[in-house]
N, C-alpha and C. Protein backbone atom coordinates (compact mmCIF):
# COMPACT_ATOMS: atom_id res chain seq x y z
N MET A 1 1.52 13.70 -34.70
CA MET A 1 0.56 14.33 -33.81
C MET A 1 1.10 15.70 -33.37
N PRO A 2 0.22 16.66 -33.25
CA PRO A 2 0.67 17.99 -32.78
C PRO A 2 1.22 17.93 -31.36
N SER A 3 2.13 18.82 -31.07
CA SER A 3 2.79 18.80 -29.75
C SER A 3 1.81 19.00 -28.61
N GLU A 4 0.70 19.73 -28.83
CA GLU A 4 -0.28 19.93 -27.75
C GLU A 4 -0.90 18.60 -27.32
N ILE A 5 -1.10 17.71 -28.28
CA ILE A 5 -1.68 16.40 -27.96
C ILE A 5 -0.70 15.59 -27.12
N TRP A 6 0.59 15.63 -27.47
CA TRP A 6 1.60 14.91 -26.70
C TRP A 6 1.71 15.50 -25.30
N GLN A 7 1.66 16.82 -25.19
CA GLN A 7 1.74 17.46 -23.87
C GLN A 7 0.55 17.05 -23.01
N ARG A 8 -0.64 17.00 -23.60
CA ARG A 8 -1.83 16.59 -22.86
C ARG A 8 -1.70 15.13 -22.42
N LEU A 9 -1.24 14.26 -23.34
CA LEU A 9 -1.06 12.85 -23.00
C LEU A 9 -0.03 12.71 -21.87
N ASP A 10 1.06 13.47 -21.95
CA ASP A 10 2.09 13.43 -20.91
C ASP A 10 1.48 13.81 -19.56
N ALA A 11 0.67 14.87 -19.52
CA ALA A 11 0.04 15.30 -18.27
C ALA A 11 -0.92 14.25 -17.75
N GLN A 12 -1.67 13.61 -18.65
CA GLN A 12 -2.63 12.59 -18.24
C GLN A 12 -1.92 11.34 -17.71
N VAL A 13 -0.83 10.95 -18.36
CA VAL A 13 -0.06 9.79 -17.91
C VAL A 13 0.51 10.07 -16.52
N LYS A 14 1.02 11.28 -16.30
CA LYS A 14 1.59 11.62 -15.00
C LYS A 14 0.55 11.59 -13.90
N GLN A 15 -0.71 11.86 -14.23
CA GLN A 15 -1.77 11.78 -13.22
C GLN A 15 -2.02 10.33 -12.80
N ILE A 16 -1.75 9.39 -13.70
CA ILE A 16 -1.94 7.97 -13.41
C ILE A 16 -0.76 7.40 -12.63
N LEU A 17 0.44 7.91 -12.91
CA LEU A 17 1.63 7.41 -12.22
C LEU A 17 1.58 7.78 -10.74
N PRO A 18 2.22 6.97 -9.89
CA PRO A 18 2.33 7.35 -8.48
C PRO A 18 3.05 8.70 -8.35
N VAL A 19 2.66 9.48 -7.37
CA VAL A 19 3.18 10.84 -7.18
C VAL A 19 4.71 10.86 -7.17
N ASN A 20 5.33 9.89 -6.50
CA ASN A 20 6.79 9.90 -6.38
C ASN A 20 7.52 9.57 -7.69
N LEU A 21 6.80 9.13 -8.72
CA LEU A 21 7.44 8.82 -10.00
C LEU A 21 7.18 9.87 -11.08
N ARG A 22 6.22 10.72 -10.88
CA ARG A 22 5.79 11.65 -11.93
C ARG A 22 6.92 12.50 -12.50
N ALA A 23 7.78 13.01 -11.65
CA ALA A 23 8.85 13.90 -12.11
C ALA A 23 9.94 13.16 -12.89
N HIS A 24 9.92 11.82 -12.85
CA HIS A 24 11.00 11.04 -13.46
C HIS A 24 10.68 10.51 -14.85
N PHE A 25 9.47 10.84 -15.36
CA PHE A 25 9.05 10.30 -16.66
C PHE A 25 8.53 11.37 -17.59
N GLN A 26 8.63 11.07 -18.89
CA GLN A 26 8.09 11.93 -19.93
C GLN A 26 7.64 11.02 -21.07
N VAL A 27 6.48 11.30 -21.64
CA VAL A 27 5.99 10.51 -22.76
C VAL A 27 6.87 10.78 -23.98
N ALA A 28 7.32 9.70 -24.63
CA ALA A 28 8.12 9.84 -25.84
C ALA A 28 7.24 9.65 -27.08
N CYS A 29 6.54 8.51 -27.14
CA CYS A 29 5.72 8.21 -28.32
C CYS A 29 4.84 7.00 -28.03
N ILE A 30 4.00 6.70 -29.00
CA ILE A 30 3.26 5.43 -29.01
C ILE A 30 3.72 4.73 -30.27
N GLU A 31 4.37 3.60 -30.08
CA GLU A 31 5.04 2.88 -31.16
C GLU A 31 4.45 1.47 -31.26
N GLU A 32 3.68 1.18 -32.30
CA GLU A 32 3.07 -0.14 -32.48
C GLU A 32 2.32 -0.60 -31.24
N GLY A 33 1.52 0.29 -30.67
CA GLY A 33 0.71 -0.04 -29.50
C GLY A 33 1.42 0.08 -28.17
N CYS A 34 2.67 0.42 -28.21
CA CYS A 34 3.47 0.51 -26.97
C CYS A 34 3.71 1.97 -26.61
N LEU A 35 3.27 2.35 -25.42
CA LEU A 35 3.54 3.69 -24.90
C LEU A 35 4.98 3.70 -24.41
N VAL A 36 5.81 4.54 -25.00
CA VAL A 36 7.21 4.63 -24.62
C VAL A 36 7.38 5.84 -23.71
N LEU A 37 7.88 5.58 -22.50
CA LEU A 37 8.14 6.64 -21.53
C LEU A 37 9.64 6.76 -21.33
N LEU A 38 10.13 7.99 -21.31
CA LEU A 38 11.54 8.23 -21.04
C LEU A 38 11.72 8.36 -19.54
N ALA A 39 12.59 7.53 -18.99
CA ALA A 39 12.85 7.53 -17.55
C ALA A 39 14.15 8.26 -17.26
N ALA A 40 14.16 9.00 -16.17
CA ALA A 40 15.34 9.78 -15.81
C ALA A 40 16.46 8.92 -15.23
N ASN A 41 16.12 7.72 -14.73
CA ASN A 41 17.15 6.87 -14.13
C ASN A 41 16.69 5.41 -14.08
N ASN A 42 17.63 4.51 -13.76
CA ASN A 42 17.34 3.07 -13.69
C ASN A 42 16.30 2.74 -12.65
N MET A 43 16.37 3.40 -11.50
CA MET A 43 15.45 3.10 -10.42
C MET A 43 14.00 3.39 -10.83
N ALA A 44 13.76 4.52 -11.48
CA ALA A 44 12.42 4.87 -11.93
C ALA A 44 11.94 3.88 -12.99
N ALA A 45 12.82 3.53 -13.92
CA ALA A 45 12.46 2.58 -14.97
C ALA A 45 12.10 1.22 -14.38
N SER A 46 12.86 0.75 -13.41
CA SER A 46 12.58 -0.53 -12.76
C SER A 46 11.25 -0.50 -12.05
N ARG A 47 10.97 0.58 -11.36
CA ARG A 47 9.70 0.72 -10.65
C ARG A 47 8.53 0.71 -11.64
N LEU A 48 8.69 1.40 -12.77
CA LEU A 48 7.63 1.41 -13.77
C LEU A 48 7.38 0.00 -14.30
N ARG A 49 8.44 -0.75 -14.55
CA ARG A 49 8.27 -2.12 -15.06
C ARG A 49 7.46 -2.97 -14.07
N MET A 50 7.64 -2.72 -12.79
CA MET A 50 6.91 -3.48 -11.78
C MET A 50 5.43 -3.12 -11.74
N ILE A 51 5.10 -1.83 -11.89
CA ILE A 51 3.71 -1.40 -11.72
C ILE A 51 2.95 -1.27 -13.03
N ALA A 52 3.64 -1.33 -14.17
CA ALA A 52 3.00 -1.11 -15.47
C ALA A 52 1.79 -2.00 -15.74
N PRO A 53 1.84 -3.30 -15.43
CA PRO A 53 0.66 -4.13 -15.71
C PRO A 53 -0.60 -3.62 -15.01
N GLY A 54 -0.47 -3.10 -13.81
CA GLY A 54 -1.61 -2.57 -13.09
C GLY A 54 -2.11 -1.24 -13.63
N LEU A 55 -1.23 -0.49 -14.30
CA LEU A 55 -1.59 0.81 -14.85
C LEU A 55 -2.16 0.72 -16.26
N LEU A 56 -1.93 -0.40 -16.92
CA LEU A 56 -2.29 -0.54 -18.32
C LEU A 56 -3.76 -0.27 -18.63
N PRO A 57 -4.71 -0.75 -17.82
CA PRO A 57 -6.12 -0.44 -18.14
C PRO A 57 -6.40 1.07 -18.17
N GLN A 58 -5.85 1.81 -17.22
CA GLN A 58 -6.06 3.26 -17.18
C GLN A 58 -5.37 3.94 -18.36
N LEU A 59 -4.16 3.50 -18.68
CA LEU A 59 -3.42 4.09 -19.79
C LEU A 59 -4.13 3.81 -21.12
N GLY A 60 -4.69 2.63 -21.25
CA GLY A 60 -5.43 2.27 -22.46
C GLY A 60 -6.67 3.13 -22.66
N ARG A 61 -7.25 3.60 -21.56
CA ARG A 61 -8.41 4.49 -21.67
C ARG A 61 -8.00 5.89 -22.16
N LEU A 62 -6.75 6.27 -21.95
CA LEU A 62 -6.27 7.57 -22.43
C LEU A 62 -6.15 7.58 -23.95
N ASP A 63 -5.69 6.46 -24.49
CA ASP A 63 -5.51 6.32 -25.94
C ASP A 63 -5.70 4.85 -26.28
N SER A 64 -6.66 4.57 -27.13
CA SER A 64 -7.00 3.17 -27.44
C SER A 64 -5.87 2.39 -28.11
N ARG A 65 -4.86 3.10 -28.62
CA ARG A 65 -3.72 2.40 -29.24
C ARG A 65 -2.79 1.77 -28.21
N ILE A 66 -2.85 2.22 -26.97
CA ILE A 66 -1.91 1.75 -25.95
C ILE A 66 -2.30 0.36 -25.45
N THR A 67 -1.43 -0.61 -25.73
CA THR A 67 -1.65 -1.98 -25.25
C THR A 67 -0.49 -2.48 -24.38
N GLN A 68 0.58 -1.71 -24.34
CA GLN A 68 1.72 -2.05 -23.48
C GLN A 68 2.52 -0.78 -23.17
N VAL A 69 3.40 -0.91 -22.19
CA VAL A 69 4.20 0.24 -21.75
C VAL A 69 5.66 -0.18 -21.69
N ARG A 70 6.55 0.72 -22.11
CA ARG A 70 7.99 0.44 -22.04
C ARG A 70 8.70 1.71 -21.57
N ALA A 71 9.70 1.52 -20.77
CA ALA A 71 10.51 2.66 -20.30
C ALA A 71 11.88 2.60 -20.99
N LYS A 72 12.31 3.73 -21.48
CA LYS A 72 13.67 3.88 -22.01
C LYS A 72 14.38 4.85 -21.08
N ILE A 73 15.59 4.53 -20.73
CA ILE A 73 16.34 5.39 -19.80
C ILE A 73 17.04 6.48 -20.58
N LEU A 74 16.76 7.71 -20.17
CA LEU A 74 17.36 8.88 -20.80
C LEU A 74 17.72 9.84 -19.66
N PRO A 75 18.92 9.69 -19.10
CA PRO A 75 19.30 10.55 -17.97
C PRO A 75 19.21 12.02 -18.32
N LYS A 76 18.78 12.82 -17.35
CA LYS A 76 18.65 14.26 -17.58
C LYS A 76 20.02 14.92 -17.54
């Protein structure tokens, strides 16, 4: 996918995330239906794991391939 599409998806995902988490995540890819987000730290990743089930319907509307969400920790 072209980088503009990933940038747009990243911006759309951040609009769905709670304000206090937006700066801590970046879209990495969609892998076998799983939206992979890079988390800046363990705390942000843990919080995402807790709220992800509630966000999934909105995330699925952004891209029909998204059926689950996973956070990978990648410290800045």
